[in-house]
Amino acid sequence: MTEQQNIDIHLQEALSHLELAINQSVKCVLENDNSKKEIGLKWERFLGEFMGQVRDKGKKSRLNLLSWITFPRVR
């Protein structure tokens, strides 16, 4: 298996886990509207951690990882 194939597998698994987390978040809020704030904080922490890792890896490797993505294509 090539490194690029390995990357594809990891990204697909991450997407699958994110879909499960989104579905669970929606279910939780639909069952209890008061959980919105707590669920939102979980997502804020996750996204903050993710963006922090992207920035840290970019600084350490001297690569702008976000420059690899053409954001208008992201939908």
Protein backbone atom coordinates (compact mmCIF):
# COMPACT_ATOMS: atom_id res chain seq x y z
CA MET A 1 0.00 0.00 0.00
CA THR A 2 1.38 3.43 -0.92
CA GLU A 3 1.54 6.37 1.47
CA GLN A 4 -1.09 8.17 -0.59
CA GLN A 5 -3.43 5.20 -0.31
CA ASN A 6 -2.80 5.16 3.43
CA ILE A 7 -3.72 8.87 3.61
CA ASP A 8 -6.95 8.13 1.70
CA ILE A 9 -7.85 5.39 4.18
CA HIS A 10 -7.20 7.64 7.21
CA LEU A 11 -9.24 10.49 5.72
CA GLN A 12 -12.13 8.16 4.88
CA GLU A 13 -12.09 6.75 8.42
CA ALA A 14 -11.98 10.28 9.86
CA LEU A 15 -14.95 11.27 7.69
CA SER A 16 -16.86 8.22 8.85
CA HIS A 17 -16.19 9.07 12.50
CA LEU A 18 -17.17 12.70 11.94
CA GLU A 19 -20.45 11.63 10.34
CA LEU A 20 -21.21 9.46 13.38
CA ALA A 21 -20.37 12.35 15.73
CA ILE A 22 -22.58 14.74 13.74
CA ASN A 23 -25.48 12.29 13.75
CA GLN A 24 -25.08 11.68 17.49
CA SER A 25 -24.87 15.43 18.14
CA VAL A 26 -28.08 16.08 16.21
CA LYS A 27 -29.85 13.21 17.98
CA CYS A 28 -28.70 14.44 21.38
CA VAL A 29 -29.91 18.01 20.74
CA LEU A 30 -33.23 16.82 19.30
CA GLU A 31 -33.78 14.74 22.43
CA ASN A 32 -32.68 17.52 24.78
CA ASP A 33 -32.52 21.10 23.48
CA ASN A 34 -30.63 22.12 26.63
CA SER A 35 -27.63 20.05 25.48
CA LYS A 36 -27.00 22.45 22.57
CA LYS A 37 -24.43 24.52 24.46
CA GLU A 38 -22.52 21.50 25.76
CA ILE A 39 -22.48 19.83 22.32
CA GLY A 40 -21.40 23.11 20.73
CA LEU A 41 -18.50 23.36 23.16
CA LYS A 42 -17.40 19.83 22.24
CA TRP A 43 -17.34 20.80 18.56
CA GLU A 44 -15.51 24.05 19.32
CA ARG A 45 -12.82 22.13 21.22
CA PHE A 46 -12.52 19.57 18.44
CA LEU A 47 -12.27 22.14 15.65
CA GLY A 48 -9.86 24.25 17.71
CA GLU A 49 -7.67 21.23 18.33
CA PHE A 50 -7.74 20.29 14.65
CA MET A 51 -6.86 23.79 13.46
CA GLY A 52 -4.16 24.01 16.14
CA GLN A 53 -2.60 20.77 14.89
CA VAL A 54 -2.68 22.04 11.30
CA ARG A 55 -0.96 25.29 12.36
CA ASP A 56 1.62 23.51 14.56
CA LYS A 57 2.52 20.94 11.90
CA GLY A 58 2.72 23.73 9.34
CA LYS A 59 5.10 25.77 11.49
CA LYS A 60 7.29 22.76 12.31
CA SER A 61 7.50 21.62 8.70
CA ARG A 62 7.58 25.16 7.27
CA LEU A 63 4.63 24.28 5.05
CA ASN A 64 1.34 26.13 4.83
CA LEU A 65 -0.96 23.11 4.93
CA LEU A 66 -4.08 25.20 4.32
CA SER A 67 -2.59 26.57 1.08
CA TRP A 68 -2.97 23.08 -0.40
CA ILE A 69 -6.75 23.43 -0.28
CA THR A 70 -8.74 25.47 -2.79
CA PHE A 71 -11.55 26.62 -0.54
CA PRO A 72 -14.06 27.56 -3.29
CA ARG A 73 -14.04 23.85 -4.21
CA VAL A 74 -14.87 22.89 -0.61
CA ARG A 75 -18.65 22.60 -0.33
